[in-house]
C-alpha atoms as a PDB file:
ATOM      1  CA  UNK A   1     -73.190  60.992-117.451  1.00  0.00           C
ATOM      2  CA  UNK A   2     -72.900  61.471-114.130  1.00  0.00           C
ATOM      3  CA  UNK A   3     -73.403  64.764-111.921  1.00  0.00           C
ATOM      4  CA  UNK A   4     -70.894  66.571-109.663  1.00  0.00           C
ATOM      5  CA  UNK A   5     -71.716  69.561-107.155  1.00  0.00           C
ATOM      6  CA  UNK A   6     -69.345  71.359-104.395  1.00  0.00           C
ATOM      7  CA  UNK A   7     -69.911  74.126-102.032  1.00  0.00           C
ATOM      8  CA  UNK A   8     -66.919  75.746-100.140  1.00  0.00           C
ATOM      9  CA  UNK A   9     -68.347  78.420 -97.978  1.00  0.00           C
ATOM     10  CA  UNK A  10     -65.512  81.374 -97.259  1.00  0.00           C
ATOM     11  CA  UNK A  11     -67.485  82.881 -94.463  1.00  0.00           C
ATOM     12  CA  UNK A  12     -69.384  81.888 -91.692  1.00  0.00           C
ATOM     13  CA  UNK A  13     -72.803  82.981 -93.224  1.00  0.00           C
ATOM     14  CA  UNK A  14     -74.122  80.115 -94.751  1.00  0.00           C
ATOM     15  CA  UNK A  15     -71.955  77.320 -92.464  1.00  0.00           C
ATOM     16  CA  UNK A  16     -75.372  76.110 -90.962  1.00  0.00           C
ATOM     17  CA  UNK A  17     -77.237  75.461 -93.915  1.00  0.00           C
ATOM     18  CA  UNK A  18     -74.303  73.694 -95.943  1.00  0.00           C
ATOM     19  CA  UNK A  19     -76.504  70.724 -95.737  1.00  0.00           C
ATOM     20  CA  UNK A  20     -79.404  72.519 -97.152  1.00  0.00           C
ATOM     21  CA  UNK A  21     -77.823  74.094 -99.843  1.00  0.00           C
ATOM     22  CA  UNK A  22     -75.487  70.955-100.910  1.00  0.00           C
ATOM     23  CA  UNK A  23     -79.328  69.235-101.173  1.00  0.00           C
ATOM     24  CA  UNK A  24     -80.520  71.662-103.417  1.00  0.00           C
ATOM     25  CA  UNK A  25     -77.837  71.186-105.886  1.00  0.00           C
ATOM     26  CA  UNK A  26     -77.631  67.837-105.868  1.00  0.00           C
ATOM     27  CA  UNK A  27     -81.272  67.216-106.497  1.00  0.00           C
ATOM     28  CA  UNK A  28     -81.034  69.288-109.809  1.00  0.00           C
ATOM     29  CA  UNK A  29     -78.285  66.729-110.781  1.00  0.00           C
ATOM     30  CA  UNK A  30     -80.389  63.650-110.700  1.00  0.00           C
ATOM     31  CA  UNK A  31     -81.082  63.406-114.162  1.00  0.00           C
ATOM     32  CA  UNK A  32     -77.603  63.443-114.595  1.00  0.00           C
ATOM     33  CA  UNK A  33     -77.196  60.063-112.499  1.00  0.00           C
ATOM     34  CA  UNK A  34     -79.993  58.377-111.231  1.00  0.00           C
ATOM     35  CA  UNK A  35     -78.502  54.966-110.481  1.00  0.00           C
ATOM     36  CA  UNK A  36     -76.685  56.088-106.827  1.00  0.00           C
ATOM     37  CA  UNK A  37     -75.476  58.999-104.930  1.00  0.00           C
ATOM     38  CA  UNK A  38     -73.020  60.553-102.014  1.00  0.00           C
ATOM     39  CA  UNK A  39     -71.754  63.351-100.606  1.00  0.00           C
ATOM     40  CA  UNK A  40     -68.905  64.189 -98.506  1.00  0.00           C
ATOM     41  CA  UNK A  41     -69.134  67.110 -95.673  1.00  0.00           C
ATOM     42  CA  UNK A  42     -66.665  68.906 -94.084  1.00  0.00           C
ATOM     43  CA  UNK A  43     -66.413  70.776 -90.877  1.00  0.00           C
ATOM     44  CA  UNK A  44     -64.624  71.732 -88.045  1.00  0.00           C
ATOM     45  CA  UNK A  45     -64.703  68.484 -86.291  1.00  0.00           C
ATOM     46  CA  UNK A  46     -63.136  67.552 -82.186  1.00  0.00           C
ATOM     47  CA  UNK A  47     -59.758  68.252 -81.687  1.00  0.00           C
ATOM     48  CA  UNK A  48     -57.619  65.435 -81.010  1.00  0.00           C
ATOM     49  CA  UNK A  49     -60.049  62.954 -82.812  1.00  0.00           C
ATOM     50  CA  UNK A  50     -60.768  61.026 -85.693  1.00  0.00           C
ATOM     51  CA  UNK A  51     -63.968  59.930 -87.197  1.00  0.00           C
ATOM     52  CA  UNK A  52     -63.885  56.955 -89.580  1.00  0.00           C
ATOM     53  CA  UNK A  53     -67.156  56.706 -91.518  1.00  0.00           C
ATOM     54  CA  UNK A  54     -67.949  52.676 -92.761  1.00  0.00           C
ATOM     55  CA  UNK A  55     -70.476  51.411 -94.673  1.00  0.00           C
ATOM     56  CA  UNK A  56     -71.942  47.815 -94.219  1.00  0.00           C
ATOM     57  CA  UNK A  57     -74.108  47.224 -97.453  1.00  0.00           C
ATOM     58  CA  UNK A  58     -76.359  44.552 -97.309  1.00  0.00           C
ATOM     59  CA  UNK A  59     -74.873  43.120 -94.010  1.00  0.00           C
ATOM     60  CA  UNK A  60     -75.800  43.380 -89.984  1.00  0.00           C
ATOM     61  CA  UNK A  61     -72.562  44.356 -88.420  1.00  0.00           C
ATOM     62  CA  UNK A  62     -71.912  44.502 -85.070  1.00  0.00           C
ATOM     63  CA  UNK A  63     -70.509  47.692 -84.480  1.00  0.00           C
ATOM     64  CA  UNK A  64     -69.850  47.137 -81.257  1.00  0.00           C
ATOM     65  CA  UNK A  65     -67.424  44.121 -82.108  1.00  0.00           C
ATOM     66  CA  UNK A  66     -65.757  46.469 -84.632  1.00  0.00           C
ATOM     67  CA  UNK A  67     -64.958  49.193 -81.984  1.00  0.00           C
ATOM     68  CA  UNK A  68     -63.557  46.619 -79.699  1.00  0.00           C
ATOM     69  CA  UNK A  69     -61.275  45.265 -82.151  1.00  0.00           C
ATOM     70  CA  UNK A  70     -60.153  48.793 -83.206  1.00  0.00           C
ATOM     71  CA  UNK A  71     -59.630  49.528 -79.239  1.00  0.00           C
ATOM     72  CA  UNK A  72     -57.480  46.630 -78.831  1.00  0.00           C
ATOM     73  CA  UNK A  73     -55.616  47.753 -82.112  1.00  0.00           C
ATOM     74  CA  UNK A  74     -55.087  51.502 -81.816  1.00  0.00           C
ATOM     75  CA  UNK A  75     -55.156  51.357 -77.717  1.00  0.00           C
ATOM     76  CA  UNK A  76     -57.462  53.604 -77.501  1.00  0.00           C
ATOM     77  CA  UNK A  77     -61.520  54.127 -77.178  1.00  0.00           C
ATOM     78  CA  UNK A  78     -63.456  53.750 -79.887  1.00  0.00           C
ATOM     79  CA  UNK A  79     -67.047  55.294 -79.677  1.00  0.00           C
ATOM     80  CA  UNK A  80     -69.940  54.556 -82.086  1.00  0.00           C
ATOM     81  CA  UNK A  81     -72.595  56.520 -83.907  1.00  0.00           C
ATOM     82  CA  UNK A  82     -74.659  54.456 -86.158  1.00  0.00           C
ATOM     83  CA  UNK A  83     -76.324  56.090 -89.334  1.00  0.00           C
ATOM     84  CA  UNK A  84     -78.683  53.114 -90.883  1.00  0.00           C
ATOM     85  CA  UNK A  85     -76.100  50.798 -92.770  1.00  0.00           C
ATOM     86  CA  UNK A  86     -73.699  53.568 -92.049  1.00  0.00           C
ATOM     87  CA  UNK A  87     -71.723  54.130 -88.556  1.00  0.00           C
ATOM     88  CA  UNK A  88     -69.363  56.725 -87.678  1.00  0.00           C
ATOM     89  CA  UNK A  89     -66.540  55.323 -85.427  1.00  0.00           C
ATOM     90  CA  UNK A  90     -64.504  58.481 -83.476  1.00  0.00           C
ATOM     91  CA  UNK A  91     -61.165  57.766 -81.692  1.00  0.00           C
ATOM     92  CA  UNK A  92     -57.977  59.666 -80.654  1.00  0.00           C
ATOM     93  CA  UNK A  93     -56.224  56.831 -82.307  1.00  0.00           C
ATOM     94  CA  UNK A  94     -54.301  56.446 -85.674  1.00  0.00           C
ATOM     95  CA  UNK A  95     -57.011  56.587 -88.300  1.00  0.00           C
ATOM     96  CA  UNK A  96     -54.778  55.540 -90.907  1.00  0.00           C
ATOM     97  CA  UNK A  97     -53.983  52.423 -89.107  1.00  0.00           C
ATOM     98  CA  UNK A  98     -57.767  52.234 -88.189  1.00  0.00           C
ATOM     99  CA  UNK A  99     -58.784  52.339 -92.062  1.00  0.00           C
ATOM    100  CA  UNK A 100     -56.046  49.541 -92.818  1.00  0.00           C
ATOM    101  CA  UNK A 101     -57.312  47.061 -89.901  1.00  0.00           C
ATOM    102  CA  UNK A 102     -61.032  47.086 -90.997  1.00  0.00           C
ATOM    103  CA  UNK A 103     -60.355  46.643 -94.525  1.00  0.00           C
ATOM    104  CA  UNK A 104     -57.920  43.405 -93.844  1.00  0.00           C
ATOM    105  CA  UNK A 105     -60.275  42.267 -90.873  1.00  0.00           C
ATOM    106  CA  UNK A 106     -63.820  42.902 -91.474  1.00  0.00           C
ATOM    107  CA  UNK A 107     -64.868  41.544 -94.841  1.00  0.00           C
ATOM    108  CA  UNK A 108     -68.471  42.899 -93.865  1.00  0.00           C
ATOM    109  CA  UNK A 109     -67.366  46.612 -93.748  1.00  0.00           C
ATOM    110  CA  UNK A 110     -66.313  49.622 -96.104  1.00  0.00           C
ATOM    111  CA  UNK A 111     -64.117  51.959 -94.933  1.00  0.00           C
ATOM    112  CA  UNK A 112     -65.545  55.410 -96.810  1.00  0.00           C
ATOM    113  CA  UNK A 113     -63.485  58.086 -95.050  1.00  0.00           C
ATOM    114  CA  UNK A 114     -61.568  59.182 -91.841  1.00  0.00           C
ATOM    115  CA  UNK A 115     -60.245  62.139 -90.431  1.00  0.00           C
ATOM    116  CA  UNK A 116     -60.831  64.983 -88.157  1.00  0.00           C
ATOM    117  CA  UNK A 117     -63.425  66.612 -90.050  1.00  0.00           C
ATOM    118  CA  UNK A 118     -65.034  64.511 -92.977  1.00  0.00           C
ATOM    119  CA  UNK A 119     -67.645  62.385 -92.858  1.00  0.00           C
ATOM    120  CA  UNK A 120     -69.190  60.402 -96.223  1.00  0.00           C
ATOM    121  CA  UNK A 121     -72.333  58.648 -96.757  1.00  0.00           C
ATOM    122  CA  UNK A 122     -73.481  57.311-100.275  1.00  0.00           C
ATOM    123  CA  UNK A 123     -75.897  54.879-101.710  1.00  0.00           C
ATOM    124  CA  UNK A 124     -77.995  53.548-104.869  1.00  0.00           C
ATOM    125  CA  UNK A 125     -81.279  54.595-105.849  1.00  0.00           C
ATOM    126  CA  UNK A 126     -82.654  58.147-106.152  1.00  0.00           C
ATOM    127  CA  UNK A 127     -80.273  60.991-105.114  1.00  0.00           C
ATOM    128  CA  UNK A 128     -83.260  62.618-103.506  1.00  0.00           C
ATOM    129  CA  UNK A 129     -83.645  59.623-101.332  1.00  0.00           C
ATOM    130  CA  UNK A 130     -79.913  59.223-100.316  1.00  0.00           C
ATOM    131  CA  UNK A 131     -80.111  63.002 -99.177  1.00  0.00           C
ATOM    132  CA  UNK A 132     -83.327  62.121 -96.946  1.00  0.00           C
ATOM    133  CA  UNK A 133     -82.137  58.791 -95.853  1.00  0.00           C
ATOM    134  CA  UNK A 134     -78.858  60.396 -93.984  1.00  0.00           C
ATOM    135  CA  UNK A 135     -80.545  63.777 -93.649  1.00  0.00           C
ATOM    136  CA  UNK A 136     -77.828  65.857 -95.860  1.00  0.00           C
ATOM    137  CA  UNK A 137     -80.536  68.800 -95.180  1.00  0.00           C
ATOM    138  CA  UNK A 138     -79.724  69.151 -91.365  1.00  0.00           C
ATOM    139  CA  UNK A 139     -75.684  69.295 -91.750  1.00  0.00           C
ATOM    140  CA  UNK A 140     -73.588  72.440 -91.135  1.00  0.00           C
ATOM    141  CA  UNK A 141     -70.096  72.515 -92.194  1.00  0.00           C
ATOM    142  CA  UNK A 142     -67.290  74.439 -94.305  1.00  0.00           C
ATOM    143  CA  UNK A 143     -67.267  72.477 -97.618  1.00  0.00           C
ATOM    144  CA  UNK A 144     -69.544  69.834 -99.259  1.00  0.00           C
ATOM    145  CA  UNK A 145     -68.690  67.446-102.679  1.00  0.00           C
ATOM    146  CA  UNK A 146     -71.305  65.101-104.296  1.00  0.00           C
ATOM    147  CA  UNK A 147     -71.805  63.007-107.094  1.00  0.00           C
ATOM    148  CA  UNK A 148     -74.854  61.474-108.723  1.00  0.00           C
ATOM    149  CA  UNK A 149     -73.948  58.206-110.662  1.00  0.00           C
ATOM    150  CA  UNK A 150     -74.535  56.754-113.990  1.00  0.00           C
ATOM    151  CA  UNK A 151     -73.057  53.541-113.677  1.00  0.00           C
ATOM    152  CA  UNK A 152     -72.617  52.858-117.562  1.00  0.00           C
ATOM    153  CA  UNK A 153     -68.898  50.909-117.137  1.00  0.00           C
ATOM    154  CA  UNK A 154     -69.480  48.838-113.912  1.00  0.00           C
ATOM    155  CA  UNK A 155     -72.196  47.477-111.710  1.00  0.00           C
ATOM    156  CA  UNK A 156     -74.569  49.574-109.806  1.00  0.00           C
ATOM    157  CA  UNK A 157     -73.148  49.192-105.898  1.00  0.00           C
ATOM    158  CA  UNK A 158     -73.078  51.275-102.927  1.00  0.00           C
ATOM    159  CA  UNK A 159     -69.319  51.197-102.287  1.00  0.00           C
ATOM    160  CA  UNK A 160     -68.535  51.946-105.815  1.00  0.00           C
ATOM    161  CA  UNK A 161     -70.292  55.137-105.856  1.00  0.00           C
ATOM    162  CA  UNK A 162     -68.614  58.575-104.943  1.00  0.00           C
ATOM    163  CA  UNK A 163     -67.167  60.166-103.350  1.00  0.00           C
ATOM    164  CA  UNK A 164     -64.119  57.911-102.938  1.00  0.00           C
ATOM    165  CA  UNK A 165     -61.340  58.630-100.021  1.00  0.00           C
ATOM    166  CA  UNK A 166     -58.306  56.587 -99.205  1.00  0.00           C
ATOM    167  CA  UNK A 167     -56.284  59.478 -96.997  1.00  0.00           C
ATOM    168  CA  UNK A 168     -57.234  61.624 -94.237  1.00  0.00           C
ATOM    169  CA  UNK A 169     -59.830  64.668 -94.648  1.00  0.00           C
ATOM    170  CA  UNK A 170     -58.772  64.022 -98.660  1.00  0.00           C
ATOM    171  CA  UNK A 171     -61.790  63.032-101.075  1.00  0.00           C
ATOM    172  CA  UNK A 172     -62.877  63.065-104.608  1.00  0.00           C
ATOM    173  CA  UNK A 173     -65.492  63.119-107.165  1.00  0.00           C
ATOM    174  CA  UNK A 174     -64.855  62.294-110.944  1.00  0.00           C
ATOM    175  CA  UNK A 175     -66.754  62.391-114.175  1.00  0.00           C
ATOM    176  CA  UNK A 176     -64.754  60.720-116.894  1.00  0.00           C
ATOM    177  CA  UNK A 177     -62.494  57.924-117.380  1.00  0.00           C
ATOM    178  CA  UNK A 178     -58.803  57.070-116.712  1.00  0.00           C
ATOM    179  CA  UNK A 179     -57.335  54.443-118.938  1.00  0.00           C
ATOM    180  CA  UNK A 180     -53.908  53.924-116.710  1.00  0.00           C
ATOM    181  CA  UNK A 181     -56.136  53.268-113.511  1.00  0.00           C
ATOM    182  CA  UNK A 182     -54.536  49.342-113.191  1.00  0.00           C
ATOM    183  CA  UNK A 183     -51.180  50.204-113.425  1.00  0.00           C
ATOM    184  CA  UNK A 184     -51.257  53.516-110.953  1.00  0.00           C
ATOM    185  CA  UNK A 185     -53.616  51.057-108.642  1.00  0.00           C
ATOM    186  CA  UNK A 186     -50.582  48.265-108.464  1.00  0.00           C
ATOM    187  CA  UNK A 187     -48.076  51.246-108.188  1.00  0.00           C
ATOM    188  CA  UNK A 188     -49.835  52.699-105.370  1.00  0.00           C
ATOM    189  CA  UNK A 189     -50.365  49.716-103.587  1.00  0.00           C
ATOM    190  CA  UNK A 190     -46.869  49.370-103.552  1.00  0.00           C
ATOM    191  CA  UNK A 191     -46.471  52.516-101.553  1.00  0.00           C
ATOM    192  CA  UNK A 192     -48.753  51.664 -99.169  1.00  0.00           C
ATOM    193  CA  UNK A 193     -52.321  52.557-100.375  1.00  0.00           C
ATOM    194  CA  UNK A 194     -54.980  50.342 -99.955  1.00  0.00           C
ATOM    195  CA  UNK A 195     -58.272  50.216-102.629  1.00  0.00           C
ATOM    196  CA  UNK A 196     -61.965  48.495-101.804  1.00  0.00           C
ATOM    197  CA  UNK A 197     -63.419  48.613-105.403  1.00  0.00           C
ATOM    198  CA  UNK A 198     -62.453  48.185-109.113  1.00  0.00           C
ATOM    199  CA  UNK A 199     -63.622  51.906-109.702  1.00  0.00           C
ATOM    200  CA  UNK A 200     -60.844  54.102-111.444  1.00  0.00           C
ATOM    201  CA  UNK A 201     -61.996  57.323-109.267  1.00  0.00           C
ATOM    202  CA  UNK A 202     -60.915  55.362-106.327  1.00  0.00           C
ATOM    203  CA  UNK A 203     -57.521  55.120-107.904  1.00  0.00           C
ATOM    204  CA  UNK A 204     -56.871  58.958-108.188  1.00  0.00           C
ATOM    205  CA  UNK A 205     -58.294  59.645-104.944  1.00  0.00           C
ATOM    206  CA  UNK A 206     -55.431  57.219-103.774  1.00  0.00           C
ATOM    207  CA  UNK A 207     -53.157  59.087-105.751  1.00  0.00           C
ATOM    208  CA  UNK A 208     -53.867  62.448-104.288  1.00  0.00           C
ATOM    209  CA  UNK A 209     -53.759  61.251-101.046  1.00  0.00           C
ATOM    210  CA  UNK A 210     -50.359  59.500-101.332  1.00  0.00           C
ATOM    211  CA  UNK A 211     -48.754  62.681-102.739  1.00  0.00           C
ATOM    212  CA  UNK A 212     -50.630  64.832-100.218  1.00  0.00           C
ATOM    213  CA  UNK A 213     -49.016  62.136 -97.515  1.00  0.00           C
ATOM    214  CA  UNK A 214     -45.473  62.678 -98.993  1.00  0.00           C
ATOM    215  CA  UNK A 215     -45.333  66.537 -98.502  1.00  0.00           C
ATOM    216  CA  UNK A 216     -47.043  67.800-101.638  1.00  0.00           C
ATOM    217  CA  UNK A 217     -49.554  70.702-101.459  1.00  0.00           C
ATOM    218  CA  UNK A 218     -52.434  70.396-103.055  1.00  0.00           C
ATOM    219  CA  UNK A 219     -51.691  71.982-106.086  1.00  0.00           C
ATOM    220  CA  UNK A 220     -48.210  70.204-106.366  1.00  0.00           C
ATOM    221  CA  UNK A 221     -50.395  66.896-106.138  1.00  0.00           C
ATOM    222  CA  UNK A 222     -52.761  68.125-108.742  1.00  0.00           C
ATOM    223  CA  UNK A 223     -49.984  69.044-111.096  1.00  0.00           C
ATOM    224  CA  UNK A 224     -48.481  65.561-110.797  1.00  0.00           C
ATOM    225  CA  UNK A 225     -52.088  64.610-111.796  1.00  0.00           C
ATOM    226  CA  UNK A 226     -52.206  66.235-114.610  1.00  0.00           C
ATOM    227  CA  UNK A 227     -49.068  64.546-115.946  1.00  0.00           C
ATOM    228  CA  UNK A 228     -49.626  61.106-114.700  1.00  0.00           C
ATOM    229  CA  UNK A 229     -53.245  60.241-114.731  1.00  0.00           C
ATOM    230  CA  UNK A 230     -54.073  59.321-118.371  1.00  0.00           C
ATOM    231  CA  UNK A 231     -57.572  59.785-119.327  1.00  0.00           C
ATOM    232  CA  UNK A 232     -60.380  62.345-119.538  1.00  0.00           C
ATOM    233  CA  UNK A 233     -61.465  63.755-116.060  1.00  0.00           C
ATOM    234  CA  UNK A 234     -63.368  66.761-114.395  1.00  0.00           C
ATOM    235  CA  UNK A 235     -62.377  66.103-110.361  1.00  0.00           C
ATOM    236  CA  UNK A 236     -63.760  68.250-107.589  1.00  0.00           C
ATOM    237  CA  UNK A 237     -61.485  67.765-104.575  1.00  0.00           C
ATOM    238  CA  UNK A 238     -61.609  68.240-100.374  1.00  0.00           C
ATOM    239  CA  UNK A 239     -59.212  68.218 -98.308  1.00  0.00           C
ATOM    240  CA  UNK A 240     -59.253  69.399 -94.613  1.00  0.00           C
ATOM    241  CA  UNK A 241     -58.940  73.415 -95.408  1.00  0.00           C
ATOM    242  CA  UNK A 242     -59.772  73.368 -98.931  1.00  0.00           C
ATOM    243  CA  UNK A 243     -61.279  72.936-101.988  1.00  0.00           C
ATOM    244  CA  UNK A 244     -60.058  72.361-105.559  1.00  0.00           C
ATOM    245  CA  UNK A 245     -61.382  71.416-109.293  1.00  0.00           C
ATOM    246  CA  UNK A 246     -59.110  70.163-111.936  1.00  0.00           C
ATOM    247  CA  UNK A 247     -60.287  69.176-115.587  1.00  0.00           C
ATOM    248  CA  UNK A 248     -58.004  67.283-117.946  1.00  0.00           C
ATOM    249  CA  UNK A 249     -56.168  69.112-121.091  1.00  0.00           C
ATOM    250  CA  UNK A 250     -58.745  68.039-123.280  1.00  0.00           C
ATOM    251  CA  UNK A 251     -61.947  68.854-120.890  1.00  0.00           C
ATOM    252  CA  UNK A 252     -64.660  67.386-122.559  1.00  0.00           C
ATOM    253  CA  UNK A 253     -66.882  66.642-119.181  1.00  0.00           C
ATOM    254  CA  UNK A 254     -68.580  69.862-118.547  1.00  0.00           C
ATOM    255  CA  UNK A 255     -68.298  71.781-115.455  1.00  0.00           C
ATOM    256  CA  UNK A 256     -68.995  75.531-114.671  1.00  0.00           C
ATOM    257  CA  UNK A 257     -67.914  77.621-111.160  1.00  0.00           C
ATOM    258  CA  UNK A 258     -69.321  80.435-109.282  1.00  0.00           C
ATOM    259  CA  UNK A 259     -67.999  82.634-106.868  1.00  0.00           C
ATOM    260  CA  UNK A 260     -69.354  85.492-104.270  1.00  0.00           C
ATOM    261  CA  UNK A 261     -67.628  86.781-101.452  1.00  0.00           C
ATOM    262  CA  UNK A 262     -69.400  84.055 -99.027  1.00  0.00           C
ATOM    263  CA  UNK A 263     -68.984  80.980-101.491  1.00  0.00           C
ATOM    264  CA  UNK A 264     -67.456  79.006-104.087  1.00  0.00           C
ATOM    265  CA  UNK A 265     -69.687  76.838-105.917  1.00  0.00           C
ATOM    266  CA  UNK A 266     -69.029  73.916-108.812  1.00  0.00           C
ATOM    267  CA  UNK A 267     -71.231  71.488-110.775  1.00  0.00           C
ATOM    268  CA  UNK A 268     -71.650  70.034-113.944  1.00  0.00           C
ATOM    269  CA  UNK A 269     -74.732  72.182-114.904  1.00  0.00           C
ATOM    270  CA  UNK A 270     -75.500  75.780-114.134  1.00  0.00           C
ATOM    271  CA  UNK A 271     -78.706  74.962-112.847  1.00  0.00           C
ATOM    272  CA  UNK A 272     -77.154  73.453-109.283  1.00  0.00           C
ATOM    273  CA  UNK A 273     -75.579  76.524-108.575  1.00  0.00           C
ATOM    274  CA  UNK A 274     -78.511  78.654-109.314  1.00  0.00           C
ATOM    275  CA  UNK A 275     -80.029  77.338-106.290  1.00  0.00           C
ATOM    276  CA  UNK A 276     -77.506  79.199-104.373  1.00  0.00           C
ATOM    277  CA  UNK A 277     -78.278  82.095-102.645  1.00  0.00           C
ATOM    278  CA  UNK A 278     -77.307  85.941-104.220  1.00  0.00           C
ATOM    279  CA  UNK A 279     -76.172  83.862-107.172  1.00  0.00           C
ATOM    280  CA  UNK A 280     -77.273  87.095-109.165  1.00  0.00           C
ATOM    281  CA  UNK A 281     -74.086  88.877-108.300  1.00  0.00           C
ATOM    282  CA  UNK A 282     -71.442  85.781-108.525  1.00  0.00           C
ATOM    283  CA  UNK A 283     -68.678  85.864-110.661  1.00  0.00           C
ATOM    284  CA  UNK A 284     -69.440  82.586-113.595  1.00  0.00           C
ATOM    285  CA  UNK A 285     -66.798  81.072-115.660  1.00  0.00           C
ATOM    286  CA  UNK A 286     -66.342  77.277-117.196  1.00  0.00           C
ATOM    287  CA  UNK A 287     -62.802  76.173-115.695  1.00  0.00           C
ATOM    288  CA  UNK A 288     -60.411  76.074-118.209  1.00  0.00           C
ATOM    289  CA  UNK A 289     -58.532  72.607-119.081  1.00  0.00           C
ATOM    290  CA  UNK A 290     -55.610  71.624-117.382  1.00  0.00           C
ATOM    291  CA  UNK A 291     -55.966  74.505-115.033  1.00  0.00           C
ATOM    292  CA  UNK A 292     -55.417  74.012-111.026  1.00  0.00           C
ATOM    293  CA  UNK A 293     -58.153  75.829-109.229  1.00  0.00           C
ATOM    294  CA  UNK A 294     -57.869  75.778-105.645  1.00  0.00           C
ATOM    295  CA  UNK A 295     -59.188  77.511-102.337  1.00  0.00           C
ATOM    296  CA  UNK A 296     -58.118  77.847 -98.465  1.00  0.00           C
ATOM    297  CA  UNK A 297     -60.103  78.289 -95.493  1.00  0.00           C
ATOM    298  CA  UNK A 298     -59.015  81.295 -93.442  1.00  0.00           C
ATOM    299  CA  UNK A 299     -56.304  80.242 -90.806  1.00  0.00           C
END
């Protein structure tokens, strides 16, 4: 089944409570995905710096050695902020180059995200425990995307859980299944994308990252996705300054959206959105099949 939540805060009013609201929404999706959970949080970041969120599932990595290796490759200082089995590496160096180097040179580490504004955390187990373990409720920011997973076609592992990100400040969660992901994976690897799991959702994330890197707008990238991704899907997507929702043209996977002057929220079920402030005055609708919905932060 899986459960999706997304929250995009259009004004400053609730940004200090982004994590608190996202945690409430995610709690309501526990029954849809008891196997694992994850969340991506966006904030304004620090100018000129890139954060690389990494995971060492079942390992005891030497974060200092990983940072030192990156410093030698990037020619820039790398700081480390450990968060249990995750860490956030921060540098003024090239984030995409850092991601590729870590994937190719440190088998104990999975790179979950990179960018100036995004951090991703995920783990197996009860979604409420994942929220507590990585202190989602304390986080502020502009938008967040989260997912609870019921693994029906693959093993329950942390790195196979959502969200997925392969490009700068770009992430995706997915409810559904793609039938042509192996062909797409090979095609995307030829144009420079790197993958760390067999999950079809990571391929979808890579497709969007590739199109955005090639200069597409988010809408243009999603138009290409409608044409080239074969299967059924409900996507919630984050980029540095925006949020998007897309369902395939058949739209067999559930989704509901609500919007007020202060926020836009999306979930697999309305009960998650019902936790938000002023929801009684929200416009509520079901996103149409094959229609792209996007929102952007004010400049």
